[in-house]
Amino acid sequence: MSKKQDVTRRDFIRGAAKAAAGVTAGAAAVQTAHAGPGVYKRILPQTIIGANEKIRTGHIGVGGMGIRNLQIVMARKEQDIQPIMVCDLFPTYVKRAAQLVSNGVGAGKFDPPGETGKFEEVIANKDVDAVVVVTPDHWHTIPTLMAIDAKKDVYCEKPLCATIGEAVALKEKVKGSTQVYQSGTIQRSGKYFQEAVEMIKSGYIGKVGKVECWNHDESTIDGIGNPTDPKPEWLDWDRYIGWTPKVEYNKNRYIYNFRWFTDYSGGKITDWGTHLLDIAIWAMGEEKQPKKVT
């Protein structure tokens, strides 16, 4: 293991700003390299597409929700967003995302994006205006902090972070910058959620004495235990687990089922609870926030 992987999460956060500065400084040299594994190339010069004409995006994590976000970007009639880099540890996901951008969907069709398995290269690319972070939860904070330091706007999937400490660090980083940050609480964009919240706030159902949230997944329990499947040759397991406790490869700790391990996530609370509790708190108003959580 490298020394970097042995540091604590707090140390990692503390060093993120320094790391971002170093990554940004090396961008010019890397951008002239030929495309290949772990390397990206500059797609469009600044003189062709300016910041006021298109928002050029780098997509960090292009699995299930990541590819869906990319599809939504590509389907925009305005074509005011152009993906120019795609990133994932899973090479198949990277190729799928790159083909989506090149082949087009809906109204969108663009030049082939840069491909990489390292998010640092997305952030280092000076042509990227904004990044979309759709990684496992324990990799939400570091790319976001680094992107903000690199003067890029950020859309990061929920949950905001994996720990309260990370959330505080991110809050302070955003407050001290001019960058735009949005967390992926997508239900706030749903008209029926907006209408329901307005009805509650207007007193349509009277005084609210109690709010309950629940979720029915309609699926069997999966992803438990320690299967003996060998680690895929292409997977950089040390990079995936990062600063979390060092463990042997377990496919249940990767892709969707990482949610059931507190090293990386918070189970259904940070999976669906993020959405459901958010709507309830939004409807009740800032003056009626929960006083106790069990």
Protein backbone atom coordinates (compact mmCIF):
# COMPACT_ATOMS: atom_id res chain seq x y z
CA MET A 1 0.00 0.00 0.00
CA SER A 2 1.18 3.52 -0.65
CA LYS A 3 1.64 6.06 2.10
CA LYS A 4 -1.22 8.05 0.64
CA GLN A 5 -3.57 5.14 1.19
CA ASP A 6 -2.53 4.81 4.81
CA VAL A 7 -3.54 8.31 5.85
CA THR A 8 -6.80 8.96 7.64
CA ARG A 9 -9.81 10.50 5.96
CA ARG A 10 -9.29 13.69 7.97
CA ASP A 11 -5.70 13.94 6.74
CA PHE A 12 -6.91 13.30 3.22
CA ILE A 13 -9.40 16.17 3.40
CA ARG A 14 -6.80 18.47 4.93
CA GLY A 15 -4.45 17.78 2.05
CA ALA A 16 -7.03 18.03 -0.71
CA ALA A 17 -6.40 21.70 -1.43
CA LYS A 18 -2.67 21.09 -1.85
CA ALA A 19 -3.33 18.10 -4.06
CA ALA A 20 -5.70 20.09 -6.26
CA ALA A 21 -3.10 22.79 -6.76
CA GLY A 22 -0.56 20.21 -7.86
CA VAL A 23 -2.98 18.50 -10.22
CA THR A 24 -3.98 21.78 -11.84
CA ALA A 25 -0.36 22.83 -12.28
CA GLY A 26 0.36 19.66 -14.23
CA ALA A 27 -2.62 19.98 -16.56
CA ALA A 28 -0.83 21.63 -19.49
CA ALA A 29 1.75 18.86 -19.74
CA VAL A 30 -0.76 16.05 -19.56
CA GLN A 31 -3.16 17.57 -22.09
CA THR A 32 -0.62 17.22 -24.89
CA ALA A 33 -0.25 13.47 -24.33
CA HIS A 34 -1.73 10.88 -26.65
CA ALA A 35 -4.97 9.24 -25.57
CA GLY A 36 -4.52 5.93 -23.78
CA PRO A 37 -5.13 4.12 -20.48
CA GLY A 38 -5.12 6.62 -17.65
CA VAL A 39 -4.36 9.51 -20.01
CA TYR A 40 -6.63 12.11 -21.55
CA LYS A 41 -6.29 14.57 -24.39
CA ARG A 42 -7.62 18.04 -24.89
CA ILE A 43 -10.77 17.95 -27.00
CA LEU A 44 -11.57 21.50 -28.00
CA PRO A 45 -9.42 24.64 -27.75
CA GLN A 46 -10.71 27.60 -25.77
CA THR A 47 -11.10 29.65 -28.96
CA ILE A 48 -13.74 27.30 -30.41
CA ILE A 49 -16.17 26.97 -27.52
CA GLY A 50 -16.21 29.63 -24.86
CA ALA A 51 -17.59 29.37 -21.35
CA ASN A 52 -20.55 31.56 -22.30
CA GLU A 53 -21.59 29.31 -25.20
CA LYS A 54 -21.41 25.81 -23.73
CA ILE A 55 -20.75 24.33 -20.33
CA ARG A 56 -18.09 21.69 -20.87
CA THR A 57 -18.47 18.88 -18.39
CA GLY A 58 -16.31 16.11 -16.99
CA HIS A 59 -18.21 13.08 -15.69
CA ILE A 60 -16.58 11.26 -12.77
CA GLY A 61 -18.38 7.95 -12.36
CA VAL A 62 -20.47 6.72 -15.28
CA GLY A 63 -22.14 3.60 -13.89
CA GLY A 64 -25.88 3.27 -13.29
CA MET A 65 -26.86 6.78 -12.21
CA GLY A 66 -23.80 8.31 -13.88
CA ILE A 67 -24.81 7.08 -17.32
CA ARG A 68 -28.39 8.24 -16.68
CA ASN A 69 -27.17 11.74 -15.88
CA LEU A 70 -25.11 11.71 -19.06
CA GLN A 71 -28.14 10.64 -21.09
CA ILE A 72 -30.11 13.58 -19.68
CA VAL A 73 -27.30 15.96 -20.63
CA MET A 74 -27.17 14.56 -24.16
CA ALA A 75 -30.95 14.79 -24.63
CA ARG A 76 -31.13 18.54 -23.92
CA LYS A 77 -32.59 20.37 -26.93
CA GLU A 78 -30.51 23.45 -26.18
CA GLN A 79 -27.20 21.55 -26.51
CA ASP A 80 -25.73 24.06 -24.09
CA ILE A 81 -23.80 21.35 -22.22
CA GLN A 82 -21.00 19.36 -23.83
CA PRO A 83 -19.38 16.36 -22.10
CA ILE A 84 -15.68 16.37 -22.93
CA MET A 85 -14.35 13.82 -20.41
CA VAL A 86 -15.67 10.59 -18.90
CA CYS A 87 -14.09 8.73 -15.99
CA ASP A 88 -14.62 5.44 -14.17
CA LEU A 89 -12.58 2.59 -12.69
CA PHE A 90 -14.70 0.19 -14.76
CA PRO A 91 -13.31 0.36 -18.36
CA THR A 92 -16.55 -0.97 -19.83
CA TYR A 93 -18.46 1.93 -18.29
CA VAL A 94 -15.96 4.42 -19.72
CA LYS A 95 -16.32 3.01 -23.24
CA ARG A 96 -20.11 2.97 -22.96
CA ALA A 97 -20.18 6.61 -21.85
CA ALA A 98 -17.78 7.70 -24.60
CA GLN A 99 -19.90 5.97 -27.23
CA LEU A 100 -23.01 7.66 -25.88
CA VAL A 101 -21.42 11.08 -26.34
CA SER A 102 -20.06 10.25 -29.80
CA ASN A 103 -23.14 8.49 -31.19
CA GLY A 104 -25.62 10.90 -29.66
CA VAL A 105 -29.03 10.52 -28.06
CA GLY A 106 -31.97 12.84 -28.51
CA ALA A 107 -30.67 16.14 -29.84
CA GLY A 108 -27.10 15.70 -28.64
CA LYS A 109 -24.05 14.41 -30.51
CA PHE A 110 -20.51 15.56 -29.88
CA ASP A 111 -16.88 14.78 -30.59
CA PRO A 112 -15.45 11.78 -28.71
CA PRO A 113 -14.71 12.72 -25.08
CA GLY A 114 -11.46 12.05 -23.28
CA GLU A 115 -11.39 8.77 -21.35
CA THR A 116 -9.67 8.03 -18.04
CA GLY A 117 -9.83 5.96 -14.88
CA LYS A 118 -8.43 8.75 -12.68
CA PHE A 119 -10.67 11.60 -11.56
CA GLU A 120 -7.64 13.84 -10.99
CA GLU A 121 -7.17 14.03 -14.76
CA VAL A 122 -10.73 15.29 -15.23
CA ILE A 123 -10.18 18.02 -12.67
CA ALA A 124 -6.79 18.95 -14.15
CA ASN A 125 -8.26 19.54 -17.61
CA LYS A 126 -8.57 23.33 -17.94
CA ASP A 127 -11.22 22.92 -20.65
CA VAL A 128 -13.63 21.32 -18.16
CA ASP A 129 -15.96 23.96 -16.72
CA ALA A 130 -17.95 21.72 -14.38
CA VAL A 131 -17.76 18.18 -13.05
CA VAL A 132 -20.51 15.66 -12.36
CA VAL A 133 -19.56 13.33 -9.49
CA VAL A 134 -21.43 10.02 -9.37
CA THR A 135 -19.11 7.78 -7.38
CA PRO A 136 -19.59 5.53 -4.35
CA ASP A 137 -20.32 7.77 -1.36
CA HIS A 138 -16.84 7.66 0.18
CA TRP A 139 -15.49 9.26 -3.00
CA HIS A 140 -17.89 12.22 -3.03
CA THR A 141 -15.90 14.66 -0.92
CA ILE A 142 -12.35 14.59 -2.27
CA PRO A 143 -13.15 15.11 -5.99
CA THR A 144 -15.60 17.85 -5.03
CA LEU A 145 -13.09 19.72 -2.86
CA MET A 146 -10.43 19.42 -5.53
CA ALA A 147 -12.79 20.56 -8.30
CA ILE A 148 -13.82 23.64 -6.34
CA ASP A 149 -10.17 24.50 -5.74
CA ALA A 150 -9.63 24.12 -9.49
CA LYS A 151 -12.40 26.70 -10.08
CA LYS A 152 -14.94 24.24 -11.47
CA ASP A 153 -18.63 24.05 -10.63
CA VAL A 154 -19.88 20.75 -9.23
CA TYR A 155 -22.98 18.59 -9.38
CA CYS A 156 -22.51 15.69 -6.95
CA GLU A 157 -24.98 12.88 -6.44
CA LYS A 158 -26.49 12.43 -3.00
CA PRO A 159 -25.65 11.90 -0.21
CA LEU A 160 -23.69 15.09 0.32
CA CYS A 161 -20.87 13.18 2.05
CA ALA A 162 -20.18 9.97 3.96
CA THR A 163 -19.48 11.65 7.32
CA ILE A 164 -20.46 14.81 9.18
CA GLY A 165 -16.80 15.87 9.21
CA GLU A 166 -16.67 15.73 5.42
CA ALA A 167 -19.90 17.72 5.20
CA VAL A 168 -18.48 20.50 7.38
CA ALA A 169 -15.30 20.64 5.30
CA LEU A 170 -17.30 20.83 2.08
CA LYS A 171 -19.65 23.48 3.43
CA GLU A 172 -16.74 25.71 4.38
CA LYS A 173 -15.06 25.13 1.01
CA VAL A 174 -18.16 26.14 -0.93
CA LYS A 175 -18.81 29.18 1.28
CA GLY A 176 -15.27 30.38 0.67
CA SER A 177 -15.43 30.06 -3.11
CA THR A 178 -17.33 31.53 -6.05
CA GLN A 179 -18.17 28.12 -7.49
CA VAL A 180 -21.64 26.64 -7.84
CA TYR A 181 -22.27 23.38 -5.97
CA GLN A 182 -25.45 21.29 -6.19
CA SER A 183 -26.21 18.02 -4.43
CA GLY A 184 -28.29 15.39 -6.21
CA THR A 185 -31.57 15.64 -4.30
CA ILE A 186 -33.41 15.16 -7.58
CA GLN A 187 -36.90 14.90 -6.04
CA ARG A 188 -36.83 18.66 -5.41
CA SER A 189 -37.07 19.06 -9.20
CA GLY A 190 -40.29 17.02 -9.36
CA LYS A 191 -43.38 19.18 -9.80
CA TYR A 192 -45.54 16.88 -7.68
CA PHE A 193 -43.06 17.15 -4.80
CA GLN A 194 -43.01 20.94 -5.18
CA GLU A 195 -46.80 21.09 -5.20
CA ALA A 196 -47.07 18.85 -2.13
CA VAL A 197 -44.58 20.98 -0.22
CA GLU A 198 -46.49 24.15 -1.07
CA MET A 199 -49.74 22.54 0.08
CA ILE A 200 -48.20 21.62 3.42
CA LYS A 201 -46.67 25.06 3.91
CA SER A 202 -49.96 26.79 3.04
CA GLY A 203 -51.81 24.82 5.73
CA TYR A 204 -53.88 22.77 3.28
CA ILE A 205 -53.95 19.75 5.63
CA GLY A 206 -53.82 21.79 8.82
CA LYS A 207 -51.21 21.64 11.53
CA VAL A 208 -48.73 18.78 11.10
CA GLY A 209 -48.06 16.92 14.32
CA LYS A 210 -45.89 14.07 13.07
CA VAL A 211 -44.06 13.08 9.89
CA GLU A 212 -43.01 9.54 8.99
CA CYS A 213 -40.86 8.46 6.06
CA TRP A 214 -40.52 4.94 4.72
CA ASN A 215 -39.35 3.08 1.65
CA HIS A 216 -40.50 -0.12 -0.05
CA ASP A 217 -37.76 -1.42 -2.31
CA GLU A 218 -39.70 -4.42 -3.65
CA SER A 219 -36.44 -6.35 -3.93
CA THR A 220 -34.80 -9.25 -2.15
CA ILE A 221 -31.78 -8.76 0.09
CA ASP A 222 -28.60 -9.00 -1.94
CA GLY A 223 -24.94 -8.16 -1.49
CA ILE A 224 -24.38 -9.77 1.91
CA GLY A 225 -21.39 -11.92 2.85
CA ASN A 226 -17.94 -12.56 1.44
CA PRO A 227 -18.07 -14.26 -1.96
CA THR A 228 -14.85 -15.80 -3.26
CA ASP A 229 -14.93 -14.26 -6.74
CA PRO A 230 -11.42 -13.18 -7.80
CA LYS A 231 -10.67 -9.51 -8.33
CA PRO A 232 -10.96 -8.45 -11.98
CA GLU A 233 -7.53 -7.75 -13.47
CA TRP A 234 -8.57 -4.30 -14.64
CA LEU A 235 -9.80 -3.08 -11.22
CA ASP A 236 -7.48 -0.88 -9.15
CA TRP A 237 -8.81 -2.07 -5.79
CA ASP A 238 -6.40 0.05 -3.72
CA ARG A 239 -7.60 3.18 -5.50
CA TYR A 240 -11.23 2.20 -4.99
CA ILE A 241 -11.02 1.69 -1.21
CA GLY A 242 -8.74 4.73 -0.86
CA TRP A 243 -8.24 5.75 2.77
CA THR A 244 -10.88 3.38 4.18
CA PRO A 245 -9.81 0.24 6.13
CA LYS A 246 -7.69 -2.08 4.00
CA VAL A 247 -9.59 -5.23 3.06
CA GLU A 248 -9.28 -7.92 0.43
CA TYR A 249 -11.37 -7.62 -2.72
CA ASN A 250 -15.05 -8.36 -2.15
CA LYS A 251 -17.41 -7.79 -5.07
CA ASN A 252 -20.14 -6.86 -2.57
CA ARG A 253 -18.10 -3.81 -1.58
CA TYR A 254 -18.09 -2.60 -5.18
CA ILE A 255 -20.76 -1.25 -7.57
CA TYR A 256 -24.25 -1.02 -6.03
CA ASN A 257 -23.79 -3.06 -2.85
CA PHE A 258 -21.14 -0.79 -1.36
CA ARG A 259 -24.10 0.90 0.34
CA TRP A 260 -24.35 -1.87 2.93
CA PHE A 261 -20.84 -1.25 4.29
CA THR A 262 -20.37 1.67 6.68
CA ASP A 263 -16.81 2.11 5.41
CA TYR A 264 -18.31 3.58 2.26
CA SER A 265 -21.92 4.56 2.90
CA GLY A 266 -24.84 4.54 5.33
CA GLY A 267 -27.25 1.90 4.10
CA LYS A 268 -30.81 2.89 3.25
CA ILE A 269 -30.53 6.10 5.27
CA THR A 270 -28.04 7.60 2.83
CA ASP A 271 -29.48 5.72 -0.14
CA TRP A 272 -33.23 6.50 -0.07
CA GLY A 273 -33.42 8.31 3.25
CA THR A 274 -31.55 11.24 1.76
CA HIS A 275 -34.44 11.82 -0.64
CA LEU A 276 -37.39 11.03 1.61
CA LEU A 277 -36.21 12.88 4.71
CA ASP A 278 -35.22 15.86 2.57
CA ILE A 279 -38.78 16.33 1.29
CA ALA A 280 -40.24 16.07 4.80
CA ILE A 281 -37.77 18.60 6.22
CA TRP A 282 -38.32 20.91 3.23
CA ALA A 283 -42.09 20.84 3.74
CA MET A 284 -41.90 21.47 7.48
CA GLY A 285 -39.69 24.53 7.03
CA GLU A 286 -36.42 25.69 8.57
CA GLU A 287 -38.10 26.68 11.82
CA LYS A 288 -39.26 23.10 12.46
CA GLN A 289 -36.09 21.12 11.94
CA PRO A 290 -35.66 17.83 13.88
CA LYS A 291 -34.30 18.38 17.38
CA LYS A 292 -33.27 14.77 17.92
CA VAL A 293 -32.21 11.87 15.69
CA THR A 294 -32.10 8.23 16.81
